[in-house]
Amino acid sequence: MTDTATKPEKIRRHADKAAPERYLKITLVRSLVGFPGSQRLVARGLGLRKTQSSVVRRESPETLGMVRKISHVLKVEASEKP
């Protein structure tokens, strides 16, 4: 008898449920003049260049982290699939 025969199979709980993709509409509502350069780079990484510019991004941990870093200059809304 081998070790693999005695080990139980891993249970995949999340594989069965396909979570619907969620999107965020992100708008730059305040200028980044006077803020640190790292915050300007985050805005550029999100695709925001000018005030009142908007982008639609998929909700992911990376995007949410970027939004959290410059939340004081953004307006974030839930959005439908682009």
N, C-alpha and C. Protein backbone atom coordinates (compact mmCIF):
# COMPACT_ATOMS: atom_id res chain seq x y z
N MET A 1 0.84 -1.18 0.00
CA MET A 1 0.00 0.00 0.00
C MET A 1 0.88 1.24 0.00
N THR A 2 0.54 2.20 -0.83
CA THR A 2 1.35 3.41 -0.94
C THR A 2 0.75 4.52 -0.10
N ASP A 3 1.55 5.58 0.06
CA ASP A 3 1.09 6.73 0.84
C ASP A 3 -0.05 7.48 0.15
N THR A 4 -0.05 7.48 -1.15
CA THR A 4 -1.08 8.24 -1.85
C THR A 4 -2.45 7.59 -1.71
N ALA A 5 -2.50 6.32 -1.47
CA ALA A 5 -3.78 5.64 -1.32
C ALA A 5 -4.43 5.97 0.01
N THR A 6 -3.64 6.31 1.02
CA THR A 6 -4.19 6.59 2.34
C THR A 6 -4.52 8.06 2.55
N LYS A 7 -3.96 8.95 1.71
CA LYS A 7 -4.21 10.38 1.88
C LYS A 7 -5.55 10.75 1.25
N PRO A 8 -6.34 11.55 1.94
CA PRO A 8 -7.62 11.99 1.34
C PRO A 8 -7.36 13.02 0.24
N GLU A 9 -8.27 13.09 -0.70
CA GLU A 9 -8.15 14.07 -1.77
C GLU A 9 -8.45 15.47 -1.23
N LYS A 10 -7.81 16.44 -1.84
CA LYS A 10 -8.05 17.82 -1.43
C LYS A 10 -9.44 18.24 -1.89
N ILE A 11 -10.11 18.95 -1.03
CA ILE A 11 -11.45 19.43 -1.34
C ILE A 11 -11.33 20.80 -1.99
N ARG A 12 -11.93 20.97 -3.14
CA ARG A 12 -11.93 22.25 -3.84
C ARG A 12 -13.29 22.90 -3.64
N ARG A 13 -13.33 23.84 -2.75
CA ARG A 13 -14.60 24.49 -2.43
C ARG A 13 -14.89 25.65 -3.36
N HIS A 14 -13.84 26.35 -3.76
CA HIS A 14 -14.05 27.57 -4.53
C HIS A 14 -14.06 27.31 -6.03
N ALA A 15 -13.62 26.15 -6.46
CA ALA A 15 -13.55 25.88 -7.89
C ALA A 15 -14.94 25.70 -8.50
N ASP A 16 -15.88 25.23 -7.71
CA ASP A 16 -17.22 24.98 -8.23
C ASP A 16 -17.98 26.29 -8.46
N LYS A 17 -17.74 27.26 -7.63
CA LYS A 17 -18.46 28.52 -7.71
C LYS A 17 -17.64 29.52 -8.50
N ALA A 18 -18.11 29.87 -9.66
CA ALA A 18 -17.44 30.88 -10.46
C ALA A 18 -17.99 32.25 -10.03
N ALA A 19 -17.18 33.01 -9.34
CA ALA A 19 -17.61 34.31 -8.86
C ALA A 19 -17.75 35.26 -10.04
N PRO A 20 -18.81 36.04 -10.08
CA PRO A 20 -18.96 36.99 -11.18
C PRO A 20 -17.88 38.07 -11.09
N GLU A 21 -17.38 38.47 -12.24
CA GLU A 21 -16.36 39.51 -12.24
C GLU A 21 -17.01 40.84 -11.89
N ARG A 22 -16.34 41.56 -11.02
CA ARG A 22 -16.84 42.86 -10.61
C ARG A 22 -15.89 43.93 -11.11
N TYR A 23 -16.46 45.05 -11.49
CA TYR A 23 -15.67 46.14 -12.05
C TYR A 23 -15.88 47.41 -11.25
N LEU A 24 -14.88 48.28 -11.29
CA LEU A 24 -14.92 49.56 -10.61
C LEU A 24 -14.72 50.67 -11.63
N LYS A 25 -15.53 51.71 -11.54
CA LYS A 25 -15.31 52.92 -12.33
C LYS A 25 -14.57 53.89 -11.42
N ILE A 26 -13.37 54.25 -11.80
CA ILE A 26 -12.50 55.08 -10.98
C ILE A 26 -12.32 56.43 -11.67
N THR A 27 -12.60 57.51 -10.95
CA THR A 27 -12.50 58.86 -11.50
C THR A 27 -11.56 59.69 -10.64
N LEU A 28 -10.65 60.40 -11.29
CA LEU A 28 -9.74 61.31 -10.59
C LEU A 28 -10.46 62.64 -10.42
N VAL A 29 -10.80 63.01 -9.18
CA VAL A 29 -11.59 64.22 -8.94
C VAL A 29 -10.77 65.38 -8.38
N ARG A 30 -9.52 65.11 -8.06
CA ARG A 30 -8.68 66.17 -7.51
C ARG A 30 -7.29 66.08 -8.13
N SER A 31 -6.66 67.22 -8.33
CA SER A 31 -5.34 67.26 -8.94
C SER A 31 -4.30 66.64 -8.00
N LEU A 32 -3.27 66.06 -8.59
CA LEU A 32 -2.20 65.45 -7.80
C LEU A 32 -1.03 66.40 -7.58
N VAL A 33 -1.18 67.66 -7.94
CA VAL A 33 -0.14 68.66 -7.70
C VAL A 33 0.02 68.82 -6.19
N GLY A 34 1.24 68.73 -5.72
CA GLY A 34 1.51 68.88 -4.30
C GLY A 34 1.52 67.57 -3.53
N PHE A 35 1.17 66.47 -4.19
CA PHE A 35 1.22 65.16 -3.54
C PHE A 35 2.52 64.46 -3.92
N PRO A 36 2.95 63.48 -3.13
CA PRO A 36 4.21 62.79 -3.42
C PRO A 36 4.21 62.12 -4.80
N GLY A 37 5.38 61.99 -5.36
CA GLY A 37 5.54 61.40 -6.67
C GLY A 37 5.04 59.97 -6.75
N SER A 38 5.13 59.24 -5.65
CA SER A 38 4.66 57.85 -5.66
C SER A 38 3.15 57.79 -5.89
N GLN A 39 2.42 58.78 -5.37
CA GLN A 39 0.98 58.81 -5.58
C GLN A 39 0.64 59.17 -7.02
N ARG A 40 1.45 60.02 -7.63
CA ARG A 40 1.26 60.34 -9.05
C ARG A 40 1.48 59.10 -9.90
N LEU A 41 2.48 58.30 -9.54
CA LEU A 41 2.76 57.08 -10.29
C LEU A 41 1.63 56.07 -10.14
N VAL A 42 1.01 56.02 -8.98
CA VAL A 42 -0.13 55.11 -8.79
C VAL A 42 -1.29 55.52 -9.69
N ALA A 43 -1.55 56.83 -9.76
CA ALA A 43 -2.62 57.31 -10.63
C ALA A 43 -2.32 56.98 -12.08
N ARG A 44 -1.09 57.14 -12.49
CA ARG A 44 -0.69 56.82 -13.85
C ARG A 44 -0.83 55.31 -14.10
N GLY A 45 -0.49 54.51 -13.10
CA GLY A 45 -0.63 53.06 -13.22
C GLY A 45 -2.08 52.63 -13.39
N LEU A 46 -2.99 53.37 -12.78
CA LEU A 46 -4.41 53.09 -12.96
C LEU A 46 -4.93 53.57 -14.31
N GLY A 47 -4.16 54.42 -14.98
CA GLY A 47 -4.58 54.94 -16.28
C GLY A 47 -5.22 56.31 -16.19
N LEU A 48 -5.06 56.99 -15.07
CA LEU A 48 -5.65 58.32 -14.87
C LEU A 48 -4.59 59.37 -15.16
N ARG A 49 -4.92 60.30 -16.06
CA ARG A 49 -3.95 61.32 -16.45
C ARG A 49 -4.38 62.72 -16.01
N LYS A 50 -5.61 63.08 -16.29
CA LYS A 50 -6.10 64.43 -15.98
C LYS A 50 -7.24 64.34 -14.98
N THR A 51 -7.55 65.46 -14.34
CA THR A 51 -8.71 65.47 -13.46
C THR A 51 -9.97 65.19 -14.27
N GLN A 52 -10.91 64.57 -13.66
CA GLN A 52 -12.18 64.15 -14.25
C GLN A 52 -12.03 63.04 -15.29
N SER A 53 -10.84 62.44 -15.40
CA SER A 53 -10.70 61.29 -16.30
C SER A 53 -11.15 60.04 -15.54
N SER A 54 -11.74 59.10 -16.27
CA SER A 54 -12.28 57.89 -15.67
C SER A 54 -11.75 56.66 -16.37
N VAL A 55 -11.63 55.58 -15.63
CA VAL A 55 -11.27 54.28 -16.18
C VAL A 55 -12.15 53.23 -15.52
N VAL A 56 -12.33 52.11 -16.19
CA VAL A 56 -13.04 50.97 -15.61
C VAL A 56 -12.03 49.85 -15.48
N ARG A 57 -11.85 49.37 -14.27
CA ARG A 57 -10.88 48.31 -13.98
C ARG A 57 -11.58 47.16 -13.26
N ARG A 58 -11.08 45.97 -13.48
CA ARG A 58 -11.60 44.80 -12.77
C ARG A 58 -11.20 44.89 -11.30
N GLU A 59 -12.09 44.51 -10.42
CA GLU A 59 -11.81 44.55 -8.99
C GLU A 59 -10.88 43.40 -8.64
N SER A 60 -9.67 43.74 -8.24
CA SER A 60 -8.67 42.75 -7.85
C SER A 60 -7.90 43.30 -6.66
N PRO A 61 -7.16 42.48 -5.97
CA PRO A 61 -6.39 42.99 -4.83
C PRO A 61 -5.39 44.07 -5.23
N GLU A 62 -4.82 43.95 -6.42
CA GLU A 62 -3.86 44.95 -6.87
C GLU A 62 -4.54 46.30 -7.10
N THR A 63 -5.67 46.26 -7.78
CA THR A 63 -6.41 47.50 -8.05
C THR A 63 -6.91 48.13 -6.77
N LEU A 64 -7.43 47.32 -5.85
CA LEU A 64 -7.95 47.86 -4.59
C LEU A 64 -6.83 48.48 -3.76
N GLY A 65 -5.64 47.91 -3.82
CA GLY A 65 -4.50 48.49 -3.10
C GLY A 65 -4.11 49.84 -3.67
N MET A 66 -4.14 49.96 -5.00
CA MET A 66 -3.82 51.23 -5.64
C MET A 66 -4.88 52.28 -5.30
N VAL A 67 -6.14 51.87 -5.30
CA VAL A 67 -7.23 52.79 -4.97
C VAL A 67 -7.09 53.26 -3.52
N ARG A 68 -6.75 52.35 -2.64
CA ARG A 68 -6.61 52.71 -1.22
C ARG A 68 -5.49 53.73 -1.02
N LYS A 69 -4.43 53.62 -1.80
CA LYS A 69 -3.30 54.52 -1.62
C LYS A 69 -3.63 55.97 -1.98
N ILE A 70 -4.50 56.16 -2.98
CA ILE A 70 -4.84 57.54 -3.38
C ILE A 70 -6.34 57.78 -3.30
N SER A 71 -6.99 57.18 -2.32
CA SER A 71 -8.44 57.30 -2.17
C SER A 71 -8.89 58.73 -1.92
N HIS A 72 -8.00 59.58 -1.40
CA HIS A 72 -8.37 60.96 -1.10
C HIS A 72 -8.55 61.82 -2.35
N VAL A 73 -8.16 61.34 -3.52
CA VAL A 73 -8.32 62.11 -4.75
C VAL A 73 -9.20 61.39 -5.77
N LEU A 74 -9.81 60.28 -5.36
CA LEU A 74 -10.59 59.46 -6.28
C LEU A 74 -12.06 59.41 -5.90
N LYS A 75 -12.88 59.10 -6.90
CA LYS A 75 -14.28 58.72 -6.69
C LYS A 75 -14.41 57.33 -7.30
N VAL A 76 -14.88 56.38 -6.51
CA VAL A 76 -14.96 54.99 -6.96
C VAL A 76 -16.40 54.52 -6.91
N GLU A 77 -16.86 53.94 -8.01
CA GLU A 77 -18.22 53.43 -8.11
C GLU A 77 -18.18 52.01 -8.65
N ALA A 78 -19.15 51.20 -8.25
CA ALA A 78 -19.31 49.86 -8.84
C ALA A 78 -19.83 50.05 -10.26
N SER A 79 -19.37 49.20 -11.17
CA SER A 79 -19.73 49.36 -12.56
C SER A 79 -20.07 48.00 -13.18
N GLU A 80 -20.82 48.05 -14.28
CA GLU A 80 -21.10 46.85 -15.02
C GLU A 80 -19.90 46.50 -15.91
N LYS A 81 -19.97 45.34 -16.51
CA LYS A 81 -18.91 44.91 -17.40
C LYS A 81 -18.76 45.92 -18.53
N PRO A 82 -17.53 46.35 -18.84
CA PRO A 82 -17.33 47.40 -19.86
C PRO A 82 -17.72 46.96 -21.26
